[in-house]
């Protein structure tokens, strides 16, 4: 299976819709797929990307070659900073920034992924308006539940 084939049926959620079929970016994500694994959803998150496959949920962050405090020399791709098997996820909850009454800092839109090992908080964005629609959240939950059934 080619790299592009692994993303044929992927759903692009949130702000990723306008850039959905960037072949270069998809090839960088594809490096982290296991043999036969297929991407199901791509969600932009603060400082990275959330990739949901038919087996796993992966948090990807840019890998940069850095020299000194402010000198980024080269973008080297993405690295997996956290991953979880879909079968171990109990719930995915969306925390909408507009629902927070008095934030202590900038309001954050987050996803809470509950597993047997604990809760994983993924900051989607900061700001008063959510980037994920209700339909995006429903689609994400359906993709996770579908992966759990396999």
Protein backbone atom coordinates (compact mmCIF):
# COMPACT_ATOMS: atom_id res chain seq x y z
CA UNK A 1 0.00 0.00 0.00
CA UNK A 2 1.39 3.41 -0.95
CA UNK A 3 1.57 6.36 1.43
CA UNK A 4 -1.28 8.17 -0.33
CA UNK A 5 -3.52 5.09 -0.16
CA UNK A 6 -3.30 5.09 3.63
CA UNK A 7 -5.14 8.46 3.65
CA UNK A 8 -7.82 7.73 1.02
CA UNK A 9 -10.72 7.62 3.48
CA UNK A 10 -9.31 9.98 6.11
CA UNK A 11 -11.60 12.66 7.49
CA UNK A 12 -10.06 16.11 7.93
CA UNK A 13 -11.58 17.80 10.98
CA UNK A 14 -11.41 21.32 12.36
CA UNK A 15 -9.06 23.72 10.63
CA UNK A 16 -7.37 20.95 8.60
CA UNK A 17 -10.13 21.03 5.96
CA UNK A 18 -8.56 23.76 3.75
CA UNK A 19 -5.20 21.94 3.51
CA UNK A 20 -6.59 18.44 3.41
CA UNK A 21 -4.64 16.80 0.59
CA UNK A 22 -1.14 18.21 0.94
CA UNK A 23 0.88 15.18 -0.31
CA UNK A 24 4.10 16.30 1.39
CA UNK A 25 2.47 16.62 4.81
CA UNK A 26 0.64 13.32 4.40
CA UNK A 27 3.92 11.59 3.56
CA UNK A 28 5.40 12.92 6.81
CA UNK A 29 2.45 11.51 8.77
CA UNK A 30 2.60 8.20 6.86
CA UNK A 31 6.07 7.48 8.26
CA UNK A 32 4.42 6.77 11.60
CA UNK A 33 1.88 4.24 10.32
CA UNK A 34 2.42 0.55 10.96
CA UNK A 35 2.14 -1.98 8.14
CA UNK A 36 -1.46 -2.07 6.88
CA UNK A 37 -2.58 0.76 9.16
CA UNK A 38 -4.88 3.39 7.63
CA UNK A 39 -5.48 6.98 8.65
CA UNK A 40 -9.08 7.71 9.65
CA UNK A 41 -8.94 11.34 10.90
CA UNK A 42 -6.55 14.26 11.04
CA UNK A 43 -7.16 17.03 13.58
CA UNK A 44 -4.94 20.11 13.95
CA UNK A 45 -4.09 20.72 17.59
CA UNK A 46 -2.10 23.41 19.36
CA UNK A 47 1.52 22.83 18.39
CA UNK A 48 0.92 19.71 16.32
CA UNK A 49 -1.49 17.25 14.78
CA UNK A 50 -3.71 14.49 16.13
CA UNK A 51 -3.74 11.48 13.81
CA UNK A 52 -6.39 8.82 14.34
CA UNK A 53 -5.80 5.55 12.52
CA UNK A 54 -7.87 2.41 12.40
CA UNK A 55 -5.82 1.17 15.39
CA UNK A 56 -4.27 4.09 17.30
CA UNK A 57 -4.55 7.72 18.29
CA UNK A 58 -1.22 9.55 17.83
CA UNK A 59 -0.18 13.02 18.93
CA UNK A 60 2.42 14.33 16.48
CA UNK A 61 4.66 17.34 17.06
CA UNK A 62 7.11 18.98 14.66
CA UNK A 63 10.68 17.77 15.01
CA UNK A 64 13.06 20.70 14.53
CA UNK A 65 16.83 20.89 14.38
CA UNK A 66 17.66 23.82 16.64
CA UNK A 67 20.91 25.68 17.27
CA UNK A 68 20.64 28.14 20.12
CA UNK A 69 17.53 29.52 21.76
CA UNK A 70 15.97 31.16 18.68
CA UNK A 71 17.70 29.59 15.71
CA UNK A 72 15.57 26.89 14.08
CA UNK A 73 17.77 25.42 11.40
CA UNK A 74 15.58 22.78 9.82
CA UNK A 75 12.18 21.09 10.01
CA UNK A 76 12.84 17.34 10.13
CA UNK A 77 9.27 16.04 10.08
CA UNK A 78 6.99 14.92 12.87
CA UNK A 79 7.60 12.79 15.94
CA UNK A 80 5.09 10.84 18.00
CA UNK A 81 4.94 12.31 21.50
CA UNK A 82 2.01 10.20 22.74
CA UNK A 83 -0.01 7.33 21.39
CA UNK A 84 -2.77 5.08 22.61
CA UNK A 85 -4.47 2.02 21.18
CA UNK A 86 -8.09 2.78 20.26
CA UNK A 87 -9.30 -0.31 22.13
CA UNK A 88 -8.06 1.16 25.42
CA UNK A 89 -10.03 4.42 25.05
CA UNK A 90 -13.14 4.66 27.24
CA UNK A 91 -14.34 8.12 26.21
CA UNK A 92 -13.44 11.20 24.18
CA UNK A 93 -14.87 14.39 25.66
CA UNK A 94 -14.77 17.82 24.00
CA UNK A 95 -14.17 20.80 26.28
CA UNK A 96 -15.52 23.90 24.51
CA UNK A 97 -13.80 27.19 25.48
CA UNK A 98 -17.10 29.10 25.34
CA UNK A 99 -18.49 26.86 28.10
CA UNK A 100 -15.81 27.94 30.60
CA UNK A 101 -17.23 30.62 32.88
CA UNK A 102 -14.08 32.33 34.20
CA UNK A 103 -10.85 31.07 32.71
CA UNK A 104 -7.62 31.71 34.61
CA UNK A 105 -5.81 32.34 31.32
CA UNK A 106 -6.76 32.26 27.67
CA UNK A 107 -9.69 29.86 27.20
CA UNK A 108 -8.63 26.48 25.84
CA UNK A 109 -10.53 24.08 23.65
CA UNK A 110 -9.45 20.57 24.63
CA UNK A 111 -10.13 16.92 24.03
CA UNK A 112 -10.06 14.66 27.07
CA UNK A 113 -9.20 11.09 26.15
CA UNK A 114 -10.02 8.72 29.01
CA UNK A 115 -8.25 5.37 29.15
CA UNK A 116 -7.67 2.72 31.81
CA UNK A 117 -4.31 4.40 32.52
CA UNK A 118 -5.83 7.84 33.09
CA UNK A 119 -6.92 10.96 31.22
CA UNK A 120 -4.95 12.47 28.37
CA UNK A 121 -5.65 16.17 27.76
CA UNK A 122 -5.06 17.41 24.22
CA UNK A 123 -5.22 21.19 23.74
CA UNK A 124 -6.85 21.82 20.37
CA UNK A 125 -6.64 25.63 20.42
CA UNK A 126 -6.60 28.69 22.64
CA UNK A 127 -9.19 31.38 22.21
CA UNK A 128 -12.83 32.13 22.88
CA UNK A 129 -14.24 30.23 19.88
CA UNK A 130 -13.97 26.47 19.26
CA UNK A 131 -12.28 25.17 16.12
CA UNK A 132 -14.06 21.81 16.21
CA UNK A 133 -17.74 21.83 15.33
CA UNK A 134 -20.29 19.50 16.95
CA UNK A 135 -20.19 17.46 13.72
CA UNK A 136 -16.37 17.23 13.95
CA UNK A 137 -16.58 15.92 17.53
CA UNK A 138 -19.32 13.42 16.60
CA UNK A 139 -17.22 12.20 13.65
CA UNK A 140 -14.13 11.85 15.85
CA UNK A 141 -16.05 9.84 18.45
CA UNK A 142 -17.54 7.60 15.74
CA UNK A 143 -14.09 6.92 14.27
CA UNK A 144 -12.70 6.00 17.71
CA UNK A 145 -15.70 3.74 18.45
CA UNK A 146 -15.36 2.06 15.04
CA UNK A 147 -11.69 1.33 15.81
CA UNK A 148 -12.66 -0.17 19.14
CA UNK A 149 -15.03 -2.62 17.45
CA UNK A 150 -12.29 -4.12 15.27
